[in-house]
């Protein structure tokens, strides 16, 4: 899974920029700023990362089923986990 980090603890701000963040073509380890909020492509995370993080009481897990995305919110960061499409 590809992980995009959004550095804010404000859910309303995150919601306002969510679509643009998901559609941003970021390269691995690239940072950008969207409406004053830093976002970065944090690389790929293993499958067990989601399982491990969702067990922590301080982590909020949200799903966007229509796009197959998982969003983790903890501390001052939202992490958007995007499935990586495999090519044959």
C-alpha atoms as a PDB file:
ATOM      1  CA  UNK A   1       0.000   0.000   0.000  1.00  0.00           C
ATOM      2  CA  UNK A   2       1.142   3.501  -0.809  1.00  0.00           C
ATOM      3  CA  UNK A   3       1.056   5.935   2.123  1.00  0.00           C
ATOM      4  CA  UNK A   4       0.435   9.662   1.784  1.00  0.00           C
ATOM      5  CA  UNK A   5       0.900  11.669   4.982  1.00  0.00           C
ATOM      6  CA  UNK A   6      -1.069  14.870   5.559  1.00  0.00           C
ATOM      7  CA  UNK A   7       0.395  16.937   8.389  1.00  0.00           C
ATOM      8  CA  UNK A   8      -2.585  18.461  10.201  1.00  0.00           C
ATOM      9  CA  UNK A   9      -4.707  17.518  13.177  1.00  0.00           C
ATOM     10  CA  UNK A  10      -7.715  19.453  11.871  1.00  0.00           C
ATOM     11  CA  UNK A  11     -10.313  17.094  10.365  1.00  0.00           C
ATOM     12  CA  UNK A  12     -12.177  19.894   8.596  1.00  0.00           C
ATOM     13  CA  UNK A  13      -8.993  21.095   6.877  1.00  0.00           C
ATOM     14  CA  UNK A  14      -8.119  17.514   5.959  1.00  0.00           C
ATOM     15  CA  UNK A  15     -11.594  16.967   4.490  1.00  0.00           C
ATOM     16  CA  UNK A  16     -11.332  20.145   2.431  1.00  0.00           C
ATOM     17  CA  UNK A  17      -8.120  19.031   0.692  1.00  0.00           C
ATOM     18  CA  UNK A  18      -8.672  15.246   0.705  1.00  0.00           C
ATOM     19  CA  UNK A  19      -9.687  14.874  -2.973  1.00  0.00           C
ATOM     20  CA  UNK A  20      -6.752  16.956  -4.212  1.00  0.00           C
ATOM     21  CA  UNK A  21      -4.324  15.007  -2.028  1.00  0.00           C
ATOM     22  CA  UNK A  22      -5.541  11.648  -3.330  1.00  0.00           C
ATOM     23  CA  UNK A  23      -5.321  12.839  -6.936  1.00  0.00           C
ATOM     24  CA  UNK A  24      -1.845  14.425  -6.540  1.00  0.00           C
ATOM     25  CA  UNK A  25       0.797  12.539  -8.511  1.00  0.00           C
ATOM     26  CA  UNK A  26       3.479  12.416  -5.807  1.00  0.00           C
ATOM     27  CA  UNK A  27       6.758  10.581  -6.269  1.00  0.00           C
ATOM     28  CA  UNK A  28       8.093   8.552  -3.333  1.00  0.00           C
ATOM     29  CA  UNK A  29       9.514  10.819  -0.595  1.00  0.00           C
ATOM     30  CA  UNK A  30       8.222  13.933  -2.402  1.00  0.00           C
ATOM     31  CA  UNK A  31       6.633  16.726  -0.369  1.00  0.00           C
ATOM     32  CA  UNK A  32       4.106  19.293  -1.559  1.00  0.00           C
ATOM     33  CA  UNK A  33       2.016  21.972   0.048  1.00  0.00           C
ATOM     34  CA  UNK A  34      -1.754  22.108  -0.455  1.00  0.00           C
ATOM     35  CA  UNK A  35      -3.515  25.156   1.011  1.00  0.00           C
ATOM     36  CA  UNK A  36      -0.683  25.603   3.514  1.00  0.00           C
ATOM     37  CA  UNK A  37      -0.715  21.948   4.621  1.00  0.00           C
ATOM     38  CA  UNK A  38       2.336  19.773   3.965  1.00  0.00           C
ATOM     39  CA  UNK A  39       1.669  16.430   2.315  1.00  0.00           C
ATOM     40  CA  UNK A  40       4.211  13.779   1.462  1.00  0.00           C
ATOM     41  CA  UNK A  41       4.444  10.390  -0.189  1.00  0.00           C
ATOM     42  CA  UNK A  42       5.814   8.312   2.671  1.00  0.00           C
ATOM     43  CA  UNK A  43       6.552   5.270   0.536  1.00  0.00           C
ATOM     44  CA  UNK A  44       4.985   1.850   0.667  1.00  0.00           C
ATOM     45  CA  UNK A  45       3.822   0.270   3.913  1.00  0.00           C
ATOM     46  CA  UNK A  46       3.458  -3.476   4.511  1.00  0.00           C
ATOM     47  CA  UNK A  47       0.020  -5.048   4.956  1.00  0.00           C
ATOM     48  CA  UNK A  48       0.577  -5.653   8.675  1.00  0.00           C
ATOM     49  CA  UNK A  49       1.087  -1.890   9.250  1.00  0.00           C
ATOM     50  CA  UNK A  50      -2.655  -1.248   8.998  1.00  0.00           C
ATOM     51  CA  UNK A  51      -3.440  -4.131  11.341  1.00  0.00           C
ATOM     52  CA  UNK A  52      -0.841  -2.996  13.884  1.00  0.00           C
ATOM     53  CA  UNK A  53      -1.915   0.668  13.795  1.00  0.00           C
ATOM     54  CA  UNK A  54      -5.647  -0.088  14.031  1.00  0.00           C
ATOM     55  CA  UNK A  55      -5.077  -1.896  17.335  1.00  0.00           C
ATOM     56  CA  UNK A  56      -3.716   1.245  19.003  1.00  0.00           C
ATOM     57  CA  UNK A  57      -6.329   3.167  21.025  1.00  0.00           C
ATOM     58  CA  UNK A  58      -5.018   6.576  19.903  1.00  0.00           C
ATOM     59  CA  UNK A  59      -5.482   5.771  16.190  1.00  0.00           C
ATOM     60  CA  UNK A  60      -8.733   6.524  14.363  1.00  0.00           C
ATOM     61  CA  UNK A  61      -9.378   4.325  11.310  1.00  0.00           C
ATOM     62  CA  UNK A  62     -11.658   5.554   8.513  1.00  0.00           C
ATOM     63  CA  UNK A  63     -12.476   3.920   5.188  1.00  0.00           C
ATOM     64  CA  UNK A  64     -13.447   5.323   1.817  1.00  0.00           C
ATOM     65  CA  UNK A  65     -15.028   2.176   0.392  1.00  0.00           C
ATOM     66  CA  UNK A  66     -15.841   3.741  -2.971  1.00  0.00           C
ATOM     67  CA  UNK A  67     -12.113   4.233  -3.649  1.00  0.00           C
ATOM     68  CA  UNK A  68     -10.728   1.395  -1.549  1.00  0.00           C
ATOM     69  CA  UNK A  69      -8.783   3.786   0.695  1.00  0.00           C
ATOM     70  CA  UNK A  70      -8.036   3.582   4.391  1.00  0.00           C
ATOM     71  CA  UNK A  71      -7.286   6.698   6.440  1.00  0.00           C
ATOM     72  CA  UNK A  72      -5.472   6.606   9.762  1.00  0.00           C
ATOM     73  CA  UNK A  73      -5.498   9.638  12.037  1.00  0.00           C
ATOM     74  CA  UNK A  74      -3.138   9.866  14.973  1.00  0.00           C
ATOM     75  CA  UNK A  75      -1.380  12.756  16.625  1.00  0.00           C
ATOM     76  CA  UNK A  76      -1.018  15.590  14.131  1.00  0.00           C
ATOM     77  CA  UNK A  77      -1.062  13.479  10.980  1.00  0.00           C
ATOM     78  CA  UNK A  78      -3.528  11.739   8.699  1.00  0.00           C
ATOM     79  CA  UNK A  79      -2.176   8.808   6.691  1.00  0.00           C
ATOM     80  CA  UNK A  80      -4.007   7.845   3.514  1.00  0.00           C
ATOM     81  CA  UNK A  81      -3.305   4.239   2.539  1.00  0.00           C
ATOM     82  CA  UNK A  82      -3.893   3.586  -1.155  1.00  0.00           C
ATOM     83  CA  UNK A  83      -3.869   0.118  -2.676  1.00  0.00           C
ATOM     84  CA  UNK A  84      -1.069  -0.429  -5.168  1.00  0.00           C
ATOM     85  CA  UNK A  85      -2.341  -1.782  -8.461  1.00  0.00           C
ATOM     86  CA  UNK A  86      -0.154  -4.635  -9.613  1.00  0.00           C
ATOM     87  CA  UNK A  87       0.632  -4.989 -13.295  1.00  0.00           C
ATOM     88  CA  UNK A  88       1.320  -8.309 -14.968  1.00  0.00           C
END
